[in-house]
Structure formats: C-alpha cells, structure tokens
Amino acid sequence: MDIDIDLADRTQILDIVQNIPATIDGVKKHNTGVYCHEIPVNPLTGQASIDYKTAEARGYFKIDFLNVGIYHKVKSDEHLKRLLDTEPVWELLGEKTVCDQLFHVNGYHELLAQLRPASILDLAKVLAMIRPAKKHLIPKCRDQGFAAIDDEIWTKTEEYSWKKAHAVAYAAAIVVQLNELCDSINV
C-alpha cells in the first residue's frame, strides 16, 4: 500500500512523527517516501534496508509526504474549500501565461487548449494522458471527447501511468491553484 499526503512543508510533519526513509533499490533514499512503523533498517544509513517495492510486497506501507507549494497561499480551511468549490474559468488552462504557473500542467497549454477540460475529472484524464502509458489516447480524446477514453484511461499498465484517485486529487489541486491565481489578480 502507498499513501500520498500533500503538505505545504513536509518537514513540519517529519519533525514530529517517527519515520524511517524509504529506499529505491535498497540503497538510494526515496525522495518522499517514509515508513511510520517498524521496518528493517540499514544501521549505517538509518534508511529502510529493503526497496520500497519489495517492502510493499512484504506488507509494509509507505507514506509519501509531498511538498506541494500551492498550499502556501491557502489562508484557512474555509479559503481552501471556497477555492475548491468555485467553478474555475476552464479556458484559462489554454493560456500559456496562466498554464505555466500551474502545478503539473505547466508547458501543456496547447494540449489543454485543444482538449478543453471542463471538470476536475476531465482535467484528471489530461493528467493521466500526459504520462507515457496513456499518451496514445490524446488523439482519440481530441477527436471524440473525454467520454471516448473512459474505457481505457484508468486501466493499469506496465508503463508509467496514474491511478484515477491520484489524478483526480492533483486535478483538484490545480483547480485550487487556478482559482487562487484568479483571486490574486482580482484583489
């Protein structure tokens, strides 16, 4: 099992929660993953002594505490809820000056202008399609719309792809960031 938690500053939680850094190939420290429970530890490095994939197969679960800078501008829970609940100006995703300021989609303004997502789920599908395993769906989506890729977009493959829950969460974060950007212009 793998859990991702987005934070403005991951060190705030890692300073108070006992954790063991995960490893890649049992040697290299994982960028964001930690274990908050007992796991075999390399006494020289203080990191997990087994690769995160092997650890998962053995029943350990890794938590990825991710630094997501967009939350620095969110003032309160109510502010976050308002930003998430506000329907964004979806057309702005196709504007280079706006798109290039957004999390995960910067540099994709032309694709967003072509596909024209109009919901968090549509945007999640775009996030999935810009990953290697689902790039082949872009022409189909462009020609036939988002519904045309529903049967294929979330199927698991060996190549790098995103799960639906992950993509939807990041799409929601992009909406928060887009709405915050619009708010800051209107102030």
N, C-alpha and C. Protein backbone atom coordinates (compact mmCIF):
# COMPACT_ATOMS: atom_id res chain seq x y z
N MET A 1 0.84 -1.16 0.00
CA MET A 1 0.00 0.00 0.00
C MET A 1 0.90 1.24 0.00
N ASP A 2 0.45 2.26 -0.69
CA ASP A 2 1.19 3.50 -0.81
C ASP A 2 0.21 4.65 -0.60
N ILE A 3 0.52 5.53 0.32
CA ILE A 3 -0.35 6.67 0.61
C ILE A 3 0.41 7.94 0.30
N ASP A 4 -0.23 8.88 -0.40
CA ASP A 4 0.37 10.19 -0.68
C ASP A 4 -0.37 11.24 0.12
N ILE A 5 0.38 12.09 0.80
CA ILE A 5 -0.20 13.21 1.55
C ILE A 5 0.50 14.48 1.09
N ASP A 6 -0.27 15.43 0.61
CA ASP A 6 0.27 16.70 0.14
C ASP A 6 0.31 17.69 1.28
N LEU A 7 1.46 18.35 1.43
CA LEU A 7 1.66 19.32 2.51
C LEU A 7 2.37 20.55 1.96
N ALA A 8 2.15 21.67 2.61
CA ALA A 8 2.89 22.87 2.24
C ALA A 8 4.36 22.71 2.58
N ASP A 9 4.66 22.07 3.72
CA ASP A 9 6.04 21.86 4.17
C ASP A 9 6.12 20.51 4.87
N ARG A 10 6.65 19.51 4.21
CA ARG A 10 6.69 18.15 4.74
C ARG A 10 7.55 18.03 5.99
N THR A 11 8.51 18.92 6.17
CA THR A 11 9.38 18.82 7.34
C THR A 11 8.61 19.04 8.63
N GLN A 12 7.51 19.78 8.58
CA GLN A 12 6.72 20.02 9.79
C GLN A 12 6.17 18.72 10.36
N ILE A 13 5.75 17.80 9.51
CA ILE A 13 5.23 16.52 9.99
C ILE A 13 6.37 15.55 10.28
N LEU A 14 7.41 15.55 9.45
CA LEU A 14 8.51 14.62 9.65
C LEU A 14 9.30 14.92 10.92
N ASP A 15 9.24 16.17 11.37
CA ASP A 15 9.93 16.53 12.62
C ASP A 15 9.22 15.99 13.87
N ILE A 16 7.92 15.67 13.74
CA ILE A 16 7.18 15.22 14.93
C ILE A 16 6.73 13.76 14.86
N VAL A 17 6.77 13.16 13.67
CA VAL A 17 6.35 11.77 13.51
C VAL A 17 7.59 10.90 13.31
N GLN A 18 7.72 9.87 14.13
CA GLN A 18 8.84 8.96 13.96
C GLN A 18 8.73 8.31 12.59
N ASN A 19 9.84 8.31 11.82
CA ASN A 19 9.76 7.75 10.47
C ASN A 19 11.11 7.19 10.04
N ILE A 20 11.04 6.29 9.10
CA ILE A 20 12.22 5.67 8.50
C ILE A 20 12.14 5.94 7.01
N PRO A 21 13.14 6.61 6.44
CA PRO A 21 13.11 6.90 5.00
C PRO A 21 13.08 5.62 4.16
N ALA A 22 12.26 5.63 3.14
CA ALA A 22 12.19 4.51 2.19
C ALA A 22 13.41 4.57 1.27
N THR A 23 13.67 3.46 0.61
CA THR A 23 14.79 3.42 -0.34
C THR A 23 14.33 2.91 -1.69
N ILE A 24 15.13 3.28 -2.68
CA ILE A 24 14.97 2.76 -4.04
C ILE A 24 16.13 1.80 -4.24
N ASP A 25 15.85 0.58 -4.64
CA ASP A 25 16.87 -0.45 -4.82
C ASP A 25 17.61 -0.76 -3.52
N GLY A 26 16.99 -0.47 -2.37
CA GLY A 26 17.59 -0.78 -1.08
C GLY A 26 18.79 0.07 -0.71
N VAL A 27 19.12 1.07 -1.55
CA VAL A 27 20.32 1.88 -1.31
C VAL A 27 19.99 3.37 -1.36
N LYS A 28 19.49 3.83 -2.51
CA LYS A 28 19.23 5.25 -2.72
C LYS A 28 17.97 5.68 -1.94
N LYS A 29 18.08 6.80 -1.23
CA LYS A 29 16.95 7.30 -0.46
C LYS A 29 15.82 7.73 -1.39
N HIS A 30 14.61 7.30 -1.07
CA HIS A 30 13.41 7.70 -1.80
C HIS A 30 13.18 9.19 -1.55
N ASN A 31 12.76 9.93 -2.58
CA ASN A 31 12.59 11.38 -2.45
C ASN A 31 11.55 11.79 -1.41
N THR A 32 10.46 11.05 -1.31
CA THR A 32 9.37 11.49 -0.44
C THR A 32 8.83 10.43 0.50
N GLY A 33 9.14 9.17 0.25
CA GLY A 33 8.54 8.07 0.99
C GLY A 33 9.20 7.78 2.32
N VAL A 34 8.36 7.51 3.31
CA VAL A 34 8.83 7.10 4.64
C VAL A 34 7.90 6.02 5.17
N TYR A 35 8.41 5.29 6.16
CA TYR A 35 7.60 4.32 6.90
C TYR A 35 7.45 4.85 8.31
N CYS A 36 6.24 4.85 8.81
CA CYS A 36 5.97 5.33 10.17
C CYS A 36 5.73 4.15 11.10
N HIS A 37 6.23 3.01 10.72
CA HIS A 37 6.14 1.79 11.52
C HIS A 37 7.44 1.01 11.39
N GLU A 38 7.57 -0.06 12.13
CA GLU A 38 8.78 -0.88 12.11
C GLU A 38 9.01 -1.48 10.72
N ILE A 39 10.24 -1.39 10.27
CA ILE A 39 10.68 -2.00 9.00
C ILE A 39 12.17 -2.25 9.16
N PRO A 40 12.74 -3.27 8.51
CA PRO A 40 14.18 -3.48 8.61
C PRO A 40 14.95 -2.22 8.19
N VAL A 41 15.96 -1.86 9.00
CA VAL A 41 16.71 -0.61 8.79
C VAL A 41 18.18 -0.92 8.57
N ASN A 42 18.77 -0.21 7.64
CA ASN A 42 20.21 -0.27 7.43
C ASN A 42 20.85 0.55 8.55
N PRO A 43 21.64 -0.06 9.42
CA PRO A 43 22.19 0.67 10.57
C PRO A 43 23.18 1.77 10.18
N LEU A 44 23.74 1.69 8.99
CA LEU A 44 24.69 2.72 8.56
C LEU A 44 24.00 3.97 8.04
N THR A 45 22.84 3.78 7.38
CA THR A 45 22.16 4.93 6.76
C THR A 45 20.93 5.39 7.53
N GLY A 46 20.36 4.51 8.35
CA GLY A 46 19.11 4.82 9.03
C GLY A 46 17.90 4.73 8.12
N GLN A 47 18.11 4.27 6.90
CA GLN A 47 17.03 4.13 5.92
C GLN A 47 16.55 2.68 5.89
N ALA A 48 15.39 2.46 5.29
CA ALA A 48 14.90 1.10 5.11
C ALA A 48 15.95 0.29 4.36
N SER A 49 16.14 -0.94 4.77
CA SER A 49 17.17 -1.77 4.14
C SER A 49 16.63 -2.54 2.95
N ILE A 50 15.32 -2.46 2.72
CA ILE A 50 14.73 -3.13 1.55
C ILE A 50 14.05 -2.10 0.67
N ASP A 51 14.10 -2.34 -0.61
CA ASP A 51 13.49 -1.49 -1.63
C ASP A 51 12.00 -1.31 -1.35
N TYR A 52 11.47 -0.13 -1.68
CA TYR A 52 10.06 0.14 -1.38
C TYR A 52 9.11 -0.82 -2.08
N LYS A 53 9.47 -1.32 -3.25
CA LYS A 53 8.60 -2.27 -3.95
C LYS A 53 8.61 -3.63 -3.23
N THR A 54 9.77 -4.06 -2.81
CA THR A 54 9.88 -5.30 -2.05
C THR A 54 9.15 -5.16 -0.72
N ALA A 55 9.31 -4.00 -0.09
CA ALA A 55 8.63 -3.74 1.19
C ALA A 55 7.12 -3.84 1.02
N GLU A 56 6.60 -3.28 -0.06
CA GLU A 56 5.15 -3.34 -0.30
C GLU A 56 4.71 -4.80 -0.47
N ALA A 57 5.48 -5.57 -1.20
CA ALA A 57 5.14 -6.99 -1.41
C ALA A 57 5.15 -7.77 -0.09
N ARG A 58 5.93 -7.29 0.88
CA ARG A 58 6.01 -7.95 2.18
C ARG A 58 5.00 -7.40 3.19
N GLY A 59 4.16 -6.46 2.75
CA GLY A 59 3.10 -5.97 3.62
C GLY A 59 3.38 -4.65 4.33
N TYR A 60 4.52 -4.04 4.07
CA TYR A 60 4.81 -2.72 4.65
C TYR A 60 4.13 -1.66 3.80
N PHE A 61 3.78 -0.54 4.40
CA PHE A 61 3.20 0.53 3.59
C PHE A 61 3.97 1.82 3.77
N LYS A 62 4.20 2.44 2.64
CA LYS A 62 4.97 3.67 2.56
C LYS A 62 4.01 4.85 2.48
N ILE A 63 4.39 5.92 3.15
CA ILE A 63 3.64 7.16 3.04
C ILE A 63 4.55 8.17 2.35
N ASP A 64 4.05 8.76 1.28
CA ASP A 64 4.78 9.83 0.60
C ASP A 64 4.26 11.16 1.12
N PHE A 65 5.11 11.86 1.85
CA PHE A 65 4.78 13.22 2.30
C PHE A 65 5.36 14.17 1.25
N LEU A 66 4.47 14.77 0.48
CA LEU A 66 4.88 15.57 -0.67
C LEU A 66 4.80 17.06 -0.36
N ASN A 67 5.84 17.78 -0.74
CA ASN A 67 5.79 19.24 -0.65
C ASN A 67 5.01 19.77 -1.85
N VAL A 68 3.90 20.41 -1.59
CA VAL A 68 3.09 20.99 -2.65
C VAL A 68 2.96 22.47 -2.34
N GLY A 69 3.77 23.27 -3.02
CA GLY A 69 3.87 24.69 -2.73
C GLY A 69 2.61 25.49 -2.90
N ILE A 70 1.64 24.97 -3.64
CA ILE A 70 0.42 25.74 -3.86
C ILE A 70 -0.31 26.03 -2.56
N TYR A 71 -0.10 25.20 -1.56
CA TYR A 71 -0.82 25.38 -0.30
C TYR A 71 -0.29 26.54 0.54
N HIS A 72 0.86 27.08 0.18
CA HIS A 72 1.40 28.24 0.92
C HIS A 72 0.47 29.45 0.83
N LYS A 73 -0.30 29.53 -0.24
CA LYS A 73 -1.18 30.69 -0.44
C LYS A 73 -2.58 30.49 0.12
N VAL A 74 -2.87 29.28 0.59
CA VAL A 74 -4.18 29.00 1.17
C VAL A 74 -4.17 29.47 2.62
N LYS A 75 -5.11 30.34 2.95
CA LYS A 75 -5.11 31.01 4.25
C LYS A 75 -5.78 30.22 5.37
N SER A 76 -6.75 29.37 5.01
CA SER A 76 -7.50 28.65 6.04
C SER A 76 -8.26 27.49 5.38
N ASP A 77 -8.85 26.65 6.22
CA ASP A 77 -9.68 25.57 5.69
C ASP A 77 -10.84 26.12 4.86
N GLU A 78 -11.43 27.22 5.34
CA GLU A 78 -12.56 27.83 4.63
C GLU A 78 -12.09 28.37 3.27
N HIS A 79 -10.92 28.98 3.25
CA HIS A 79 -10.37 29.51 2.00
C HIS A 79 -10.14 28.36 1.01
N LEU A 80 -9.57 27.25 1.47
CA LEU A 80 -9.34 26.09 0.62
C LEU A 80 -10.67 25.56 0.08
N LYS A 81 -11.66 25.45 0.94
CA LYS A 81 -12.97 24.95 0.50
C LYS A 81 -13.58 25.87 -0.56
N ARG A 82 -13.48 27.19 -0.34
CA ARG A 82 -14.02 28.13 -1.33
C ARG A 82 -13.28 28.01 -2.67
N LEU A 83 -11.96 27.89 -2.61
CA LEU A 83 -11.18 27.75 -3.85
C LEU A 83 -11.53 26.47 -4.59
N LEU A 84 -11.75 25.40 -3.85
CA LEU A 84 -12.10 24.12 -4.47
C LEU A 84 -13.53 24.11 -5.00
N ASP A 85 -14.43 24.78 -4.29
CA ASP A 85 -15.84 24.77 -4.68
C ASP A 85 -16.19 25.77 -5.78
N THR A 86 -15.30 26.70 -6.06
CA THR A 86 -15.55 27.70 -7.10
C THR A 86 -15.28 27.11 -8.48
N GLU A 87 -16.24 27.25 -9.37
CA GLU A 87 -16.04 26.77 -10.75
C GLU A 87 -14.98 27.65 -11.40
N PRO A 88 -13.89 27.05 -11.85
CA PRO A 88 -12.82 27.86 -12.43
C PRO A 88 -13.16 28.32 -13.85
N VAL A 89 -12.41 29.26 -14.33
CA VAL A 89 -12.51 29.68 -15.73
C VAL A 89 -11.63 28.69 -16.50
N TRP A 90 -12.24 27.60 -16.97
CA TRP A 90 -11.50 26.49 -17.57
C TRP A 90 -10.68 26.92 -18.78
N GLU A 91 -11.17 27.90 -19.53
CA GLU A 91 -10.47 28.35 -20.72
C GLU A 91 -9.07 28.88 -20.40
N LEU A 92 -8.86 29.35 -19.17
CA LEU A 92 -7.55 29.88 -18.79
C LEU A 92 -6.46 28.82 -18.83
N LEU A 93 -6.84 27.54 -18.75
CA LEU A 93 -5.84 26.47 -18.82
C LEU A 93 -5.11 26.47 -20.16
N GLY A 94 -5.76 26.97 -21.20
CA GLY A 94 -5.16 27.03 -22.53
C GLY A 94 -4.31 28.26 -22.77
N GLU A 95 -4.24 29.15 -21.78
CA GLU A 95 -3.43 30.37 -21.89
C GLU A 95 -2.05 30.11 -21.32
N LYS A 96 -1.03 30.29 -22.14
CA LYS A 96 0.34 29.99 -21.73
C LYS A 96 0.74 30.70 -20.44
N THR A 97 0.44 31.98 -20.32
CA THR A 97 0.87 32.74 -19.14
C THR A 97 0.23 32.22 -17.86
N VAL A 98 -0.96 31.68 -17.97
CA VAL A 98 -1.64 31.10 -16.80
C VAL A 98 -1.17 29.67 -16.59
N CYS A 99 -1.24 28.86 -17.63
CA CYS A 99 -0.91 27.44 -17.54
C CYS A 99 0.51 27.22 -17.00
N ASP A 100 1.44 28.05 -17.42
CA ASP A 100 2.82 27.86 -17.00
C ASP A 100 3.05 28.15 -15.51
N GLN A 101 2.05 28.68 -14.83
CA GLN A 101 2.15 28.90 -13.39
C GLN A 101 1.51 27.78 -12.58
N LEU A 102 0.94 26.80 -13.28
CA LEU A 102 0.17 25.76 -12.61
C LEU A 102 0.95 24.46 -12.45
N PHE A 103 0.70 23.84 -11.35
CA PHE A 103 1.24 22.57 -10.91
C PHE A 103 0.92 21.47 -11.91
N HIS A 104 1.86 20.70 -12.33
CA HIS A 104 1.74 19.52 -13.18
C HIS A 104 1.33 19.77 -14.62
N VAL A 105 0.76 20.89 -14.96
CA VAL A 105 0.35 21.13 -16.34
C VAL A 105 1.15 22.23 -17.02
N ASN A 106 2.11 22.82 -16.28
CA ASN A 106 2.88 23.88 -16.92
C ASN A 106 3.57 23.29 -18.15
N GLY A 107 3.52 24.06 -19.23
CA GLY A 107 4.07 23.61 -20.51
C GLY A 107 3.08 22.87 -21.39
N TYR A 108 1.88 22.62 -20.90
CA TYR A 108 0.88 21.87 -21.66
C TYR A 108 -0.29 22.74 -22.11
N HIS A 109 -0.10 24.05 -22.21
CA HIS A 109 -1.22 24.93 -22.56
C HIS A 109 -1.83 24.60 -23.92
N GLU A 110 -1.01 24.22 -24.90
CA GLU A 110 -1.56 23.90 -26.22
C GLU A 110 -2.46 22.67 -26.15
N LEU A 111 -2.02 21.64 -25.44
CA LEU A 111 -2.84 20.43 -25.28
C LEU A 111 -4.13 20.76 -24.55
N LEU A 112 -4.03 21.54 -23.49
CA LEU A 112 -5.23 21.91 -22.73
C LEU A 112 -6.18 22.75 -23.57
N ALA A 113 -5.64 23.61 -24.44
CA ALA A 113 -6.49 24.40 -25.33
C ALA A 113 -7.20 23.50 -26.34
N GLN A 114 -6.53 22.45 -26.78
CA GLN A 114 -7.14 21.52 -27.74
C GLN A 114 -8.20 20.64 -27.09
N LEU A 115 -7.88 20.10 -25.91
CA LEU A 115 -8.79 19.15 -25.25
C LEU A 115 -9.92 19.82 -24.49
N ARG A 116 -9.70 21.03 -24.02
CA ARG A 116 -10.69 21.85 -23.30
C ARG A 116 -11.38 21.11 -22.14
N PRO A 117 -10.62 20.72 -21.12
CA PRO A 117 -11.27 20.11 -19.95
C PRO A 117 -12.22 21.11 -19.32
N ALA A 118 -13.35 20.59 -18.83
CA ALA A 118 -14.36 21.46 -18.24
C ALA A 118 -14.85 20.92 -16.89
N SER A 119 -14.05 20.03 -16.30
CA SER A 119 -14.36 19.49 -14.98
C SER A 119 -13.08 18.94 -14.37
N ILE A 120 -13.13 18.69 -13.08
CA ILE A 120 -11.97 18.09 -12.42
C ILE A 120 -11.68 16.71 -13.02
N LEU A 121 -12.72 15.95 -13.34
CA LEU A 121 -12.49 14.62 -13.92
C LEU A 121 -11.85 14.73 -15.30
N ASP A 122 -12.30 15.68 -16.12
CA ASP A 122 -11.65 15.90 -17.42
C ASP A 122 -10.18 16.25 -17.23
N LEU A 123 -9.91 17.14 -16.31
CA LEU A 123 -8.53 17.55 -16.05
C LEU A 123 -7.70 16.37 -15.54
N ALA A 124 -8.30 15.52 -14.72
CA ALA A 124 -7.62 14.31 -14.25
C ALA A 124 -7.25 13.42 -15.42
N LYS A 125 -8.13 13.31 -16.39
CA LYS A 125 -7.84 12.50 -17.57
C LYS A 125 -6.68 13.09 -18.37
N VAL A 126 -6.61 14.41 -18.44
CA VAL A 126 -5.47 15.05 -19.11
C VAL A 126 -4.18 14.70 -18.38
N LEU A 127 -4.20 14.78 -17.04
CA LEU A 127 -3.02 14.43 -16.25
C LEU A 127 -2.59 12.99 -16.52
N ALA A 128 -3.55 12.10 -16.66
CA ALA A 128 -3.24 10.70 -16.96
C ALA A 128 -2.67 10.56 -18.37
N MET A 129 -3.21 11.33 -19.32
CA MET A 129 -2.76 11.22 -20.71
C MET A 129 -1.37 11.79 -20.96
N ILE A 130 -0.89 12.64 -20.10
CA ILE A 130 0.46 13.17 -20.33
C ILE A 130 1.52 12.25 -19.75
N ARG A 131 1.12 11.13 -19.16
CA ARG A 131 2.04 10.11 -18.70
C ARG A 131 2.26 9.12 -19.85
N PRO A 132 3.43 8.49 -19.90
CA PRO A 132 3.78 7.64 -21.06
C PRO A 132 2.75 6.57 -21.43
N ALA A 133 2.16 5.91 -20.45
CA ALA A 133 1.26 4.79 -20.76
C ALA A 133 -0.04 5.21 -21.44
N LYS A 134 -0.41 6.46 -21.33
CA LYS A 134 -1.71 6.88 -21.87
C LYS A 134 -1.62 7.96 -22.94
N LYS A 135 -0.42 8.32 -23.37
CA LYS A 135 -0.25 9.35 -24.41
C LYS A 135 -1.00 8.99 -25.69
N HIS A 136 -1.09 7.71 -25.98
CA HIS A 136 -1.75 7.27 -27.21
C HIS A 136 -3.24 7.65 -27.24
N LEU A 137 -3.81 8.00 -26.10
CA LEU A 137 -5.23 8.36 -26.04
C LEU A 137 -5.50 9.82 -26.40
N ILE A 138 -4.45 10.63 -26.49
CA ILE A 138 -4.64 12.06 -26.76
C ILE A 138 -5.39 12.30 -28.08
N PRO A 139 -4.99 11.69 -29.20
CA PRO A 139 -5.74 11.94 -30.45
C PRO A 139 -7.21 11.52 -30.36
N LYS A 140 -7.45 10.40 -29.72
CA LYS A 140 -8.84 9.92 -29.58
C LYS A 140 -9.66 10.91 -28.75
N CYS A 141 -9.08 11.40 -27.66
CA CYS A 141 -9.77 12.37 -26.82
C CYS A 141 -10.00 13.67 -27.58
N ARG A 142 -8.99 14.12 -28.31
CA ARG A 142 -9.10 15.36 -29.07
C ARG A 142 -10.21 15.25 -30.13
N ASP A 143 -10.28 14.10 -30.79
CA ASP A 143 -11.25 13.92 -31.88
C ASP A 143 -12.65 13.55 -31.41
N GLN A 144 -12.75 12.79 -30.30
CA GLN A 144 -14.05 12.25 -29.89
C GLN A 144 -14.53 12.72 -28.52
N GLY A 145 -13.68 13.40 -27.78
CA GLY A 145 -14.08 13.89 -26.47
C GLY A 145 -13.63 12.98 -25.34
N PHE A 146 -13.77 13.49 -24.13
CA PHE A 146 -13.30 12.77 -22.94
C PHE A 146 -14.03 11.45 -22.70
N ALA A 147 -15.31 11.38 -23.01
CA ALA A 147 -16.07 10.15 -22.78
C ALA A 147 -15.53 8.99 -23.63
N ALA A 148 -14.93 9.30 -24.76
CA ALA A 148 -14.43 8.26 -25.66
C ALA A 148 -13.27 7.46 -25.07
N ILE A 149 -12.58 8.01 -24.07
CA ILE A 149 -11.43 7.31 -23.49
C ILE A 149 -11.74 6.66 -22.14
N ASP A 150 -12.99 6.74 -21.72
CA ASP A 150 -13.36 6.23 -20.39
C ASP A 150 -13.00 4.76 -20.17
N ASP A 151 -13.11 3.94 -21.19
CA ASP A 151 -12.82 2.50 -21.02
C ASP A 151 -11.33 2.20 -20.89
N GLU A 152 -10.48 3.13 -21.30
CA GLU A 152 -9.04 2.85 -21.33
C GLU A 152 -8.20 3.68 -20.36
N ILE A 153 -8.67 4.85 -20.00
CA ILE A 153 -7.81 5.80 -19.30
C ILE A 153 -7.32 5.31 -17.95
N TRP A 154 -8.12 4.56 -17.22
CA TRP A 154 -7.73 4.15 -15.87
C TRP A 154 -7.27 2.71 -15.78
N THR A 155 -7.15 2.02 -16.91
CA THR A 155 -6.68 0.64 -16.85
C THR A 155 -5.18 0.61 -16.51
N LYS A 156 -4.80 -0.32 -15.66
CA LYS A 156 -3.41 -0.42 -15.22
C LYS A 156 -2.56 -1.01 -16.35
N THR A 157 -1.36 -0.46 -16.49
CA THR A 157 -0.41 -0.96 -17.49
C THR A 157 0.95 -1.11 -16.81
N GLU A 158 1.87 -1.73 -17.51
CA GLU A 158 3.24 -1.87 -17.01
C GLU A 158 3.99 -0.55 -17.13
N GLU A 159 3.62 0.25 -18.12
CA GLU A 159 4.28 1.54 -18.34
C GLU A 159 3.75 2.56 -17.33
N TYR A 160 4.52 3.62 -17.08
CA TYR A 160 4.17 4.62 -16.08
C TYR A 160 2.83 5.28 -16.40
N SER A 161 1.91 5.16 -15.45
CA SER A 161 0.60 5.79 -15.58
C SER A 161 0.12 6.21 -14.20
N TRP A 162 -1.00 6.91 -14.15
CA TRP A 162 -1.55 7.35 -12.88
C TRP A 162 -2.85 6.65 -12.59
N LYS A 163 -3.07 6.39 -11.31
CA LYS A 163 -4.36 5.87 -10.86
C LYS A 163 -5.36 7.02 -10.86
N LYS A 164 -6.62 6.66 -10.98
CA LYS A 164 -7.68 7.67 -11.03
C LYS A 164 -7.68 8.55 -9.78
N ALA A 165 -7.59 7.95 -8.61
CA ALA A 165 -7.63 8.73 -7.37
C ALA A 165 -6.49 9.74 -7.32
N HIS A 166 -5.33 9.34 -7.75
CA HIS A 166 -4.17 10.23 -7.75
C HIS A 166 -4.40 11.39 -8.72
N ALA A 167 -4.84 11.08 -9.93
CA ALA A 167 -5.06 12.11 -10.94
C ALA A 167 -6.16 13.08 -10.53
N VAL A 168 -7.24 12.57 -9.95
CA VAL A 168 -8.34 13.45 -9.51
C VAL A 168 -7.86 14.38 -8.39
N ALA A 169 -7.08 13.85 -7.47
CA ALA A 169 -6.56 14.68 -6.38
C ALA A 169 -5.69 15.82 -6.92
N TYR A 170 -4.82 15.49 -7.86
CA TYR A 170 -3.96 16.53 -8.44
C TYR A 170 -4.76 17.51 -9.29
N ALA A 171 -5.78 17.03 -9.98
CA ALA A 171 -6.63 17.93 -10.75
C ALA A 171 -7.34 18.92 -9.82
N ALA A 172 -7.80 18.43 -8.68
CA ALA A 172 -8.43 19.31 -7.69
C ALA A 172 -7.43 20.34 -7.18
N ALA A 173 -6.19 19.93 -6.97
CA ALA A 173 -5.15 20.86 -6.52
C ALA A 173 -4.90 21.94 -7.58
N ILE A 174 -4.94 21.55 -8.85
CA ILE A 174 -4.76 22.53 -9.93
C ILE A 174 -5.92 23.53 -9.94
N VAL A 175 -7.13 23.05 -9.70
CA VAL A 175 -8.29 23.95 -9.63
C VAL A 175 -8.11 24.94 -8.48
N VAL A 176 -7.65 24.46 -7.34
CA VAL A 176 -7.38 25.36 -6.20
C VAL A 176 -6.37 26.41 -6.62
N GLN A 177 -5.30 25.98 -7.25
CA GLN A 177 -4.25 26.91 -7.65
C GLN A 177 -4.75 27.90 -8.70
N LEU A 178 -5.51 27.43 -9.68
CA LEU A 178 -6.06 28.32 -10.71
C LEU A 178 -7.00 29.35 -10.10
N ASN A 179 -7.87 28.91 -9.20
CA ASN A 179 -8.80 29.85 -8.56
C ASN A 179 -8.07 30.83 -7.66
N GLU A 180 -7.00 30.39 -6.99
CA GLU A 180 -6.22 31.30 -6.15
C GLU A 180 -5.52 32.35 -7.01
N LEU A 181 -5.02 31.90 -8.16
CA LEU A 181 -4.37 32.81 -9.09
C LEU A 181 -5.36 33.87 -9.59
N CYS A 182 -6.56 33.45 -9.91
CA CYS A 182 -7.61 34.40 -10.35
C CYS A 182 -7.98 35.36 -9.21
N ASP A 183 -8.07 34.83 -7.99
CA ASP A 183 -8.37 35.68 -6.82
C ASP A 183 -7.29 36.74 -6.64
N SER A 184 -6.02 36.34 -6.78
CA SER A 184 -4.94 37.28 -6.53
C SER A 184 -4.90 38.38 -7.59
N ILE A 185 -5.36 38.09 -8.79
CA ILE A 185 -5.44 39.10 -9.86
C ILE A 185 -6.58 40.07 -9.59
N ASN A 186 -7.67 39.54 -9.03
CA ASN A 186 -8.87 40.36 -8.80
C ASN A 186 -8.81 41.18 -7.52
N VAL A 187 -7.79 41.01 -6.70
CA VAL A 187 -7.69 41.72 -5.42
C VAL A 187 -7.41 43.17 -5.64
